Amino acid sequence: MVAAAGSESAAGGMPSSGAGVNPGARTEVVPDPAWIARVQRRTVLVLAAGQVLGGLAFGATISLGAVLAAHVSGDDSLAGLAAAAITLGTAIGAIPLAALAQRAGRRVALTLGMLIASAGVVLVIVATGAHSFVLLLAAFALLGLGQAVNLQSRFAASDLATNATRGRDLSLVVWATTIGAVLGPNLTGLGEVIGQTIGMPRLTGAYLFTIVGQALIVVLYLVALRPDPLLLAQRLAVKTELGAAVAVAPSTQGGAAGGQHEASDRPRLARFAIFAVAAAHGVMVSIMAMTPVHLLHQGAELTVIGITISVHVAGMFALSPVFGVLADRVGRITTVLIGQALLAVALVIASLGAHSTLAVTLGLLFLGLGWSAVTVSGSALLSEASAAAVRTRRQGRSDFAMNFVAAIGAVVAGVILGWIGYGGLALVVGVAVIAVVVLAPLAASTKRD
């Protein structure tokens, strides 16, 4: 890896700026910061495009999951198992995908995850045609790998980012999901028409768009996600044991606002970030999953329920860049606490206005905004608080935790809803918000934020 000053190093053809030569023939390779910044901008654009396609692919099918589960099983009470299977598949796939990324890079991990998800889509169609409910649930679990890829894409956006821009870069990838999430469900009707034309099983036509979207993602990542952001970040951070060359890590590169990457590992802060993200996701899923059921019991029409969920999805993604910039400027923990305040407002509105469709819709808007603030700032905080050797593994654990908590929350929420109603459910899950607020000062004591 020894390279002369001003040449390109062996680490992926990195252009280097001038560097002094130490006595004893030890050469310090200093990658050109402007080149790294260009690579980062390209990476964010590629990942954002992948998120658009992923949102289209996933959005075109997720709304049909419950319908297919009820259709194949013949029992409406089993409809919720489709979402549970997808969520568990996402959770189970998170850690292996992160481990693969650590060894082989983001490009390989994200591509393989999407290929497995594509196999899941094909299996959904086969299971529907064969009327096999067990096979259908297994297919949905594989489909969850696509969602795991979408989640890990946000961390890929932070691999080469500086502290001054990490929140913004990560949030732009999250924001891109908005496009696909909004357009995807609207492809269901067209997909069904096309599916019937070519003889696909009933209700599976929209999965054609899923297959096409996933295929495009695979091609996009294989071709355009070069150099691999994680592998490049690892090369920049490495110091050879023999001391033959030292690559200046991104952790020593100043950000646009003079911010520095953190070089030290802060496990307490990382654990807080994982907990905060998982808690926010659990609160969001618990309330959101029960809202359609609650509104139906209140006599709301399906169109109104659809609008309510759309408002919620807009809150989740549309303003994520705002929270990303906020996290960069006022601090990660501060933005996490802002998210908790928004979640608290959402829960109070949902509890006090449980019998008002307008109040429930407003509550879900704040619920989405709170989730966005915590997810963006918490994810940036996790990346920042973790040394390179453990960062990817912790990111996988975070994605596992948030989806596992969501799966448990969705099941428990149904029990609570039947016990004390929608308003009571909103108050019960508020315990998670209080826990994050209480733990924040302890986490902040490890770093001035």
Protein backbone atom coordinates (compact mmCIF):
# COMPACT_ATOMS: atom_id res chain seq x y z
CA MET A 1 0.00 0.00 0.00
CA VAL A 2 3.06 2.19 -0.15
CA ALA A 3 2.60 5.06 -2.55
CA ALA A 4 4.59 8.07 -3.48
CA ALA A 5 3.26 11.48 -2.67
CA GLY A 6 0.90 12.81 -5.30
CA SER A 7 0.29 9.36 -6.81
CA GLU A 8 -2.71 7.09 -6.57
CA SER A 9 -2.55 4.57 -3.74
CA ALA A 10 -3.21 0.90 -4.14
CA ALA A 11 -6.32 1.29 -2.00
CA GLY A 12 -8.81 1.58 -4.76
CA GLY A 13 -6.95 4.13 -6.88
CA MET A 14 -7.35 6.92 -4.35
CA PRO A 15 -5.88 10.21 -5.54
CA SER A 16 -3.61 11.53 -2.83
CA SER A 17 -2.56 15.01 -1.88
CA GLY A 18 1.04 15.81 -1.05
CA ALA A 19 2.48 14.06 2.00
CA GLY A 20 5.78 14.11 3.72
CA VAL A 21 8.12 11.13 3.86
CA ASN A 22 9.23 10.10 7.31
CA PRO A 23 12.73 8.86 8.11
CA GLY A 24 12.97 5.12 7.70
CA ALA A 25 11.12 5.16 4.38
CA ARG A 26 7.69 5.37 6.00
CA THR A 27 5.26 7.09 3.64
CA GLU A 28 2.02 8.76 4.70
CA VAL A 29 -0.65 8.52 2.02
CA VAL A 30 -3.12 11.37 2.25
CA PRO A 31 -6.21 10.89 0.04
CA ASP A 32 -7.44 14.00 -1.67
CA PRO A 33 -10.37 15.30 0.47
CA ALA A 34 -12.04 16.75 -2.62
CA TRP A 35 -11.99 13.33 -4.30
CA ILE A 36 -13.49 11.69 -1.19
CA ALA A 37 -16.22 14.34 -1.16
CA ARG A 38 -17.04 13.59 -4.81
CA VAL A 39 -17.23 9.87 -4.09
CA GLN A 40 -19.55 10.58 -1.16
CA ARG A 41 -21.87 12.74 -3.27
CA ARG A 42 -22.04 10.03 -5.92
CA THR A 43 -22.70 7.37 -3.29
CA VAL A 44 -25.58 9.34 -1.79
CA LEU A 45 -27.14 9.83 -5.23
CA VAL A 46 -26.85 6.13 -6.08
CA LEU A 47 -28.32 5.08 -2.74
CA ALA A 48 -31.13 7.62 -3.06
CA ALA A 49 -32.01 6.25 -6.50
CA GLY A 50 -32.00 2.76 -5.02
CA GLN A 51 -34.36 3.92 -2.29
CA VAL A 52 -36.78 5.32 -4.87
CA LEU A 53 -36.81 1.98 -6.67
CA GLY A 54 -37.00 0.11 -3.39
CA GLY A 55 -39.94 2.19 -2.24
CA LEU A 56 -41.74 1.47 -5.50
CA ALA A 57 -40.99 -2.24 -5.25
CA PHE A 58 -41.98 -2.54 -1.63
CA GLY A 59 -44.88 -0.09 -1.73
CA ALA A 60 -46.50 -1.92 -4.63
CA THR A 61 -46.76 -5.10 -2.57
CA ILE A 62 -46.86 -4.33 1.15
CA SER A 63 -50.44 -3.09 0.95
CA LEU A 64 -51.44 -6.43 -0.59
CA GLY A 65 -49.79 -8.56 2.06
CA ALA A 66 -52.73 -8.69 4.44
CA VAL A 67 -55.15 -9.20 1.55
CA LEU A 68 -53.15 -12.15 0.19
CA ALA A 69 -52.77 -13.68 3.66
CA ALA A 70 -56.53 -13.55 4.19
CA HIS A 71 -57.22 -14.84 0.68
CA VAL A 72 -54.83 -17.81 0.85
CA SER A 73 -55.62 -18.80 4.44
CA GLY A 74 -59.36 -18.20 4.14
CA ASP A 75 -59.31 -16.53 7.56
CA ASP A 76 -59.35 -12.75 7.95
CA SER A 77 -57.95 -13.04 11.47
CA LEU A 78 -54.65 -14.27 10.01
CA ALA A 79 -54.21 -11.25 7.73
CA GLY A 80 -51.83 -9.53 10.15
CA LEU A 81 -49.33 -12.38 9.95
CA ALA A 82 -48.16 -11.10 6.55
CA ALA A 83 -46.77 -7.89 8.03
CA ALA A 84 -45.38 -9.84 10.99
CA ALA A 85 -43.55 -12.22 8.65
CA ILE A 86 -42.07 -9.35 6.64
CA THR A 87 -40.96 -7.54 9.80
CA LEU A 88 -39.38 -10.66 11.27
CA GLY A 89 -37.65 -11.35 7.95
CA THR A 90 -36.24 -7.83 8.03
CA ALA A 91 -35.03 -8.30 11.61
CA ILE A 92 -33.47 -11.71 11.00
CA GLY A 93 -31.69 -10.53 7.84
CA ALA A 94 -30.25 -7.35 9.37
CA ILE A 95 -27.30 -8.84 11.24
CA PRO A 96 -26.12 -11.28 8.50
CA LEU A 97 -26.31 -8.50 5.89
CA ALA A 98 -24.28 -6.21 8.12
CA ALA A 99 -21.69 -8.95 8.70
CA LEU A 100 -21.45 -9.55 4.96
CA ALA A 101 -21.01 -5.83 4.36
CA GLN A 102 -18.18 -5.75 6.88
CA ARG A 103 -16.37 -8.53 4.99
CA ALA A 104 -17.26 -7.84 1.36
CA GLY A 105 -18.60 -4.29 1.24
CA ARG A 106 -21.97 -2.60 0.93
CA ARG A 107 -22.31 -3.37 -2.79
CA VAL A 108 -22.21 -7.13 -2.28
CA ALA A 109 -24.42 -7.12 0.83
CA LEU A 110 -27.12 -4.84 -0.58
CA THR A 111 -27.18 -6.68 -3.90
CA LEU A 112 -27.41 -10.14 -2.32
CA GLY A 113 -30.14 -9.00 0.04
CA MET A 114 -32.20 -7.69 -2.86
CA LEU A 115 -31.69 -10.90 -4.86
CA ILE A 116 -33.00 -12.94 -1.94
CA ALA A 117 -35.97 -10.58 -1.66
CA SER A 118 -36.65 -11.12 -5.37
CA ALA A 119 -36.75 -14.86 -4.76
CA GLY A 120 -39.28 -14.12 -2.05
CA VAL A 121 -41.48 -12.25 -4.52
CA VAL A 122 -41.47 -15.20 -6.92
CA LEU A 123 -42.31 -17.48 -4.01
CA VAL A 124 -45.25 -15.23 -3.04
CA ILE A 125 -46.71 -15.72 -6.51
CA VAL A 126 -46.13 -19.49 -6.37
CA ALA A 127 -47.61 -19.78 -2.87
CA THR A 128 -50.70 -17.81 -3.89
CA GLY A 129 -51.24 -20.03 -6.91
CA ALA A 130 -50.79 -23.15 -4.78
CA HIS A 131 -52.91 -21.77 -1.90
CA SER A 132 -50.17 -22.62 0.58
CA PHE A 133 -50.33 -20.33 3.60
CA VAL A 134 -47.14 -21.64 5.22
CA LEU A 135 -45.21 -21.12 1.99
CA LEU A 136 -46.71 -17.64 1.68
CA LEU A 137 -45.46 -16.63 5.13
CA ALA A 138 -42.00 -17.97 4.31
CA ALA A 139 -42.06 -15.95 1.09
CA PHE A 140 -43.00 -12.78 2.98
CA ALA A 141 -40.10 -13.40 5.37
CA LEU A 142 -37.72 -13.51 2.40
CA LEU A 143 -39.36 -10.37 1.03
CA GLY A 144 -38.39 -8.69 4.29
CA LEU A 145 -34.76 -8.84 3.14
CA GLY A 146 -35.63 -6.10 0.66
CA GLN A 147 -36.71 -3.89 3.53
CA ALA A 148 -33.49 -4.76 5.37
CA VAL A 149 -31.56 -3.55 2.32
CA ASN A 150 -33.51 -0.29 2.28
CA LEU A 151 -32.73 0.25 5.97
CA GLN A 152 -29.02 -0.48 5.64
CA SER A 153 -28.76 1.90 2.71
CA ARG A 154 -29.04 4.81 5.15
CA PHE A 155 -25.95 3.58 6.98
CA ALA A 156 -24.10 3.20 3.68
CA ALA A 157 -24.69 6.92 3.16
CA SER A 158 -22.76 7.62 6.36
CA ASP A 159 -19.66 5.52 5.64
CA LEU A 160 -17.68 8.37 4.06
CA ALA A 161 -19.56 11.29 5.60
CA THR A 162 -18.05 13.80 8.00
CA ASN A 163 -19.65 14.77 11.30
CA ALA A 164 -20.68 18.05 9.73
CA THR A 165 -22.72 16.32 7.01
CA ARG A 166 -23.51 12.82 8.28
CA GLY A 167 -27.06 13.62 9.37
CA ARG A 168 -27.82 15.41 6.12
CA ASP A 169 -26.40 12.68 3.88
CA LEU A 170 -28.18 9.93 5.78
CA SER A 171 -31.47 11.85 5.77
CA LEU A 172 -31.39 12.40 2.01
CA VAL A 173 -31.36 8.65 1.46
CA VAL A 174 -34.24 8.25 3.93
CA TRP A 175 -36.15 11.04 2.19
CA ALA A 176 -35.86 9.33 -1.20
CA THR A 177 -38.08 6.56 0.15
CA THR A 178 -40.97 9.04 0.06
CA ILE A 179 -41.28 8.89 -3.72
CA GLY A 180 -41.60 5.14 -3.95
CA ALA A 181 -43.70 4.83 -0.79
CA VAL A 182 -46.27 7.25 -2.21
CA LEU A 183 -46.30 5.98 -5.80
CA GLY A 184 -45.93 2.25 -5.09
CA PRO A 185 -49.39 1.52 -3.64
CA ASN A 186 -50.98 3.33 -6.60
CA LEU A 187 -49.55 0.72 -8.98
CA THR A 188 -51.69 -2.03 -7.51
CA GLY A 189 -54.61 -1.57 -9.91
CA LEU A 190 -52.44 -1.42 -13.02
CA GLY A 191 -50.45 -4.43 -11.84
CA GLU A 192 -53.60 -6.47 -11.37
CA VAL A 193 -54.72 -5.71 -14.93
CA ILE A 194 -51.34 -6.74 -16.34
CA GLY A 195 -51.24 -9.81 -14.13
CA GLN A 196 -54.62 -11.03 -15.31
CA THR A 197 -53.54 -10.52 -18.92
CA ILE A 198 -50.57 -12.86 -18.55
CA GLY A 199 -52.37 -15.40 -16.35
CA MET A 200 -50.87 -14.63 -12.93
CA PRO A 201 -52.72 -15.75 -9.79
CA ARG A 202 -55.36 -13.32 -8.55
CA LEU A 203 -54.12 -10.36 -6.48
CA THR A 204 -50.45 -10.88 -7.42
CA GLY A 205 -50.18 -8.63 -10.48
CA ALA A 206 -48.57 -5.75 -8.58
CA TYR A 207 -45.63 -8.01 -7.77
CA LEU A 208 -44.51 -7.58 -11.37
CA PHE A 209 -43.50 -4.03 -10.45
CA THR A 210 -41.71 -5.39 -7.41
CA ILE A 211 -39.63 -7.78 -9.52
CA VAL A 212 -38.75 -5.06 -12.03
CA GLY A 213 -37.87 -2.58 -9.28
CA GLN A 214 -35.66 -5.06 -7.47
CA ALA A 215 -33.91 -6.08 -10.69
CA LEU A 216 -33.12 -2.42 -11.39
CA ILE A 217 -31.76 -1.99 -7.87
CA VAL A 218 -29.43 -4.97 -8.33
CA VAL A 219 -28.09 -3.54 -11.59
CA LEU A 220 -27.78 -0.04 -10.10
CA TYR A 221 -25.75 -1.16 -7.09
CA LEU A 222 -23.54 -3.56 -9.05
CA VAL A 223 -22.69 -0.97 -11.67
CA ALA A 224 -22.79 2.38 -9.89
CA LEU A 225 -21.87 1.75 -6.24
CA ARG A 226 -18.17 2.02 -7.01
CA PRO A 227 -15.94 2.53 -5.20
CA ASP A 228 -17.70 0.69 -2.42
CA PRO A 229 -18.18 3.28 0.36
CA LEU A 230 -17.59 0.91 3.27
CA LEU A 231 -14.52 -0.75 1.78
CA LEU A 232 -13.09 2.65 0.91
CA ALA A 233 -13.75 3.89 4.44
CA GLN A 234 -12.00 0.81 5.82
CA ARG A 235 -9.00 1.43 3.58
CA LEU A 236 -8.82 5.03 4.68
CA ALA A 237 -8.91 4.01 8.33
CA VAL A 238 -6.35 1.19 8.21
CA LYS A 239 -2.89 1.45 9.68
CA THR A 240 -0.58 -1.38 8.74
CA GLU A 241 1.03 -3.24 11.61
CA LEU A 242 4.47 -2.89 10.01
CA GLY A 243 4.07 0.86 9.79
CA ALA A 244 4.93 0.86 6.10
CA ALA A 245 2.19 3.32 5.32
CA VAL A 246 -0.48 5.17 7.18
CA ALA A 247 -3.68 6.16 5.42
CA VAL A 248 -5.30 9.22 6.88
CA ALA A 249 -8.78 8.11 7.88
CA PRO A 250 -11.92 10.10 7.20
CA SER A 251 -11.99 10.57 10.97
CA THR A 252 -9.24 13.17 10.58
CA GLN A 253 -10.82 15.00 7.71
CA GLY A 254 -12.57 18.20 8.64
CA GLY A 255 -16.18 18.61 7.60
CA ALA A 256 -17.62 21.51 5.68
CA ALA A 257 -18.23 23.28 8.94
CA GLY A 258 -14.98 22.17 10.47
CA GLY A 259 -16.55 19.16 12.21
CA GLN A 260 -14.41 16.12 12.88
CA HIS A 261 -15.22 12.44 12.62
CA GLU A 262 -14.98 10.73 15.99
CA ALA A 263 -12.04 8.35 16.25
CA SER A 264 -12.85 6.86 19.67
CA ASP A 265 -15.38 4.13 20.42
CA ARG A 266 -18.17 5.11 22.82
CA PRO A 267 -20.27 2.02 23.53
CA ARG A 268 -22.62 3.73 25.99
CA LEU A 269 -23.55 6.34 23.43
CA ALA A 270 -23.95 3.64 20.78
CA ARG A 271 -26.26 1.62 23.03
CA PHE A 272 -28.37 4.69 23.66
CA ALA A 273 -28.66 5.31 19.92
CA ILE A 274 -29.78 1.71 19.31
CA PHE A 275 -32.31 1.93 22.14
CA ALA A 276 -33.69 5.29 21.01
CA VAL A 277 -34.19 4.16 17.40
CA ALA A 278 -35.76 0.84 18.45
CA ALA A 279 -38.08 2.53 20.95
CA ALA A 280 -39.26 5.12 18.42
CA HIS A 281 -39.87 2.41 15.83
CA GLY A 282 -41.78 0.31 18.34
CA VAL A 283 -43.98 3.27 19.33
CA MET A 284 -44.64 4.15 15.71
CA VAL A 285 -45.52 0.64 14.56
CA SER A 286 -47.68 -0.11 17.60
CA ILE A 287 -49.89 2.93 16.99
CA MET A 288 -49.82 2.88 13.19
CA ALA A 289 -50.68 -0.83 12.93
CA MET A 290 -53.77 -0.43 15.12
CA THR A 291 -55.02 2.81 13.57
CA PRO A 292 -56.86 1.24 10.58
CA VAL A 293 -58.62 -1.21 12.92
CA HIS A 294 -59.57 1.59 15.31
CA LEU A 295 -60.88 3.85 12.54
CA LEU A 296 -62.91 1.02 11.04
CA HIS A 297 -64.53 0.48 14.44
CA GLN A 298 -65.27 4.21 14.49
CA GLY A 299 -67.10 3.87 11.16
CA ALA A 300 -64.47 5.53 8.95
CA GLU A 301 -64.46 4.69 5.25
CA LEU A 302 -61.48 2.96 3.63
CA THR A 303 -60.70 6.10 1.63
CA VAL A 304 -60.36 8.11 4.84
CA ILE A 305 -58.16 5.43 6.37
CA GLY A 306 -55.95 5.50 3.28
CA ILE A 307 -55.56 9.27 3.54
CA THR A 308 -54.67 8.96 7.22
CA ILE A 309 -51.92 6.43 6.50
CA SER A 310 -50.63 8.56 3.60
CA VAL A 311 -50.36 11.58 5.91
CA HIS A 312 -48.44 9.41 8.36
CA VAL A 313 -46.03 8.16 5.67
CA ALA A 314 -45.45 11.74 4.53
CA GLY A 315 -44.54 12.64 8.11
CA MET A 316 -42.09 9.73 8.27
CA PHE A 317 -40.06 10.65 5.21
CA ALA A 318 -40.85 14.04 3.68
CA LEU A 319 -39.07 16.19 6.28
CA SER A 320 -36.19 13.84 7.05
CA PRO A 321 -33.63 16.25 5.44
CA VAL A 322 -34.78 18.92 7.88
CA PHE A 323 -34.03 16.62 10.80
CA GLY A 324 -30.74 15.61 9.20
CA VAL A 325 -29.57 19.21 8.99
CA LEU A 326 -30.89 19.84 12.49
CA ALA A 327 -28.91 16.87 13.82
CA ASP A 328 -25.75 18.23 12.19
CA ARG A 329 -26.23 21.74 13.57
CA VAL A 330 -27.70 21.37 17.05
CA GLY A 331 -26.53 17.86 17.90
CA ARG A 332 -27.65 14.26 17.59
CA ILE A 333 -28.98 13.81 21.13
CA THR A 334 -30.77 17.14 21.01
CA THR A 335 -32.55 16.06 17.83
CA VAL A 336 -33.40 12.70 19.39
CA LEU A 337 -35.08 14.61 22.23
CA ILE A 338 -36.93 16.79 19.73
CA GLY A 339 -38.20 13.55 18.22
CA GLN A 340 -39.37 12.39 21.64
CA ALA A 341 -41.29 15.62 22.07
CA LEU A 342 -43.00 15.09 18.71
CA LEU A 343 -43.84 11.49 19.64
CA ALA A 344 -45.26 12.67 22.96
CA VAL A 345 -47.46 15.23 21.19
CA ALA A 346 -48.66 12.49 18.83
CA LEU A 347 -49.57 10.15 21.68
CA VAL A 348 -51.41 12.84 23.63
CA ILE A 349 -53.43 13.84 20.56
CA ALA A 350 -54.20 10.20 19.76
CA SER A 351 -55.27 9.52 23.33
CA LEU A 352 -57.42 12.60 23.90
CA GLY A 353 -58.84 12.61 20.35
CA ALA A 354 -59.29 8.87 19.88
CA HIS A 355 -62.91 9.34 18.76
CA SER A 356 -62.07 12.02 16.18
CA THR A 357 -60.77 10.95 12.77
CA LEU A 358 -59.20 14.37 12.29
CA ALA A 359 -57.38 14.15 15.63
CA VAL A 360 -56.16 10.64 14.89
CA THR A 361 -54.84 11.79 11.51
CA LEU A 362 -53.06 14.74 13.12
CA GLY A 363 -51.63 12.41 15.74
CA LEU A 364 -50.26 10.10 13.05
CA LEU A 365 -48.63 13.06 11.30
CA PHE A 366 -46.74 13.94 14.49
CA LEU A 367 -45.99 10.25 15.01
CA GLY A 368 -44.28 10.13 11.61
CA LEU A 369 -42.35 13.33 12.29
CA GLY A 370 -41.13 12.05 15.64
CA TRP A 371 -40.04 8.74 14.11
CA SER A 372 -38.15 10.59 11.38
CA ALA A 373 -36.29 12.85 13.82
CA VAL A 374 -35.22 9.96 16.04
CA THR A 375 -34.34 7.55 13.22
CA VAL A 376 -32.19 10.05 11.33
CA SER A 377 -30.37 11.52 14.33
CA GLY A 378 -30.10 8.19 16.16
CA SER A 379 -28.63 6.45 13.12
CA ALA A 380 -26.08 9.24 12.66
CA LEU A 381 -25.23 9.07 16.36
CA LEU A 382 -24.70 5.30 16.20
CA SER A 383 -22.29 5.60 13.27
CA GLU A 384 -20.42 8.41 14.99
CA ALA A 385 -20.12 6.64 18.35
CA SER A 386 -18.74 3.40 16.92
CA ALA A 387 -15.18 2.68 15.95
CA ALA A 388 -14.65 1.32 12.45
CA ALA A 389 -14.04 -2.23 13.69
CA VAL A 390 -17.47 -2.52 15.32
CA ARG A 391 -19.56 0.07 13.45
CA THR A 392 -21.15 -2.17 10.82
CA ARG A 393 -21.93 -4.90 13.36
CA ARG A 394 -23.70 -2.40 15.61
CA GLN A 395 -25.65 -1.04 12.66
CA GLY A 396 -26.92 -4.55 11.97
CA ARG A 397 -27.89 -4.95 15.61
CA SER A 398 -29.76 -1.67 15.48
CA ASP A 399 -31.81 -2.75 12.47
CA PHE A 400 -32.50 -6.11 14.14
CA ALA A 401 -33.57 -4.42 17.37
CA MET A 402 -35.91 -1.91 15.74
CA ASN A 403 -37.68 -4.56 13.66
CA PHE A 404 -37.86 -7.12 16.46
CA VAL A 405 -39.35 -4.52 18.79
CA ALA A 406 -41.79 -3.52 16.05
CA ALA A 407 -42.93 -7.11 15.54
CA ILE A 408 -43.49 -7.60 19.27
CA GLY A 409 -45.13 -4.19 19.53
CA ALA A 410 -47.60 -4.91 16.75
CA VAL A 411 -48.71 -8.13 18.44
CA VAL A 412 -48.94 -6.65 21.94
CA ALA A 413 -50.68 -3.53 20.64
CA GLY A 414 -53.57 -5.63 19.38
CA VAL A 415 -54.04 -7.10 22.86
CA ILE A 416 -53.86 -3.68 24.51
CA LEU A 417 -56.29 -2.21 21.97
CA GLY A 418 -58.85 -4.86 22.83
CA TRP A 419 -58.24 -4.32 26.54
CA ILE A 420 -58.20 -0.54 27.09
CA GLY A 421 -58.82 0.91 23.63
CA TYR A 422 -56.88 3.17 21.29
CA GLY A 423 -56.48 6.02 23.76
CA GLY A 424 -55.14 3.66 26.40
CA LEU A 425 -52.71 2.13 23.90
CA ALA A 426 -51.29 5.58 23.15
CA LEU A 427 -50.62 6.18 26.84
CA VAL A 428 -49.05 2.76 27.43
CA VAL A 429 -46.49 3.05 24.61
CA GLY A 430 -45.59 6.49 25.95
CA VAL A 431 -43.48 4.65 28.54
CA ALA A 432 -40.87 4.10 25.80
CA VAL A 433 -40.71 7.84 25.15
CA ILE A 434 -40.18 8.54 28.85
CA ALA A 435 -37.41 5.92 29.00
CA VAL A 436 -35.47 7.56 26.17
CA VAL A 437 -35.76 11.00 27.76
CA VAL A 438 -34.54 9.65 31.11
CA LEU A 439 -31.55 7.88 29.54
CA ALA A 440 -30.49 10.81 27.35
CA PRO A 441 -28.54 12.70 30.04
CA LEU A 442 -26.56 9.57 30.88
CA ALA A 443 -25.66 9.11 27.21
CA ALA A 444 -24.83 12.79 26.79
CA SER A 445 -22.34 12.60 29.66
CA THR A 446 -20.02 10.60 27.38
CA LYS A 447 -19.84 13.40 24.82
CA ARG A 448 -20.71 17.06 24.69
CA ASP A 449 -23.48 17.13 22.07
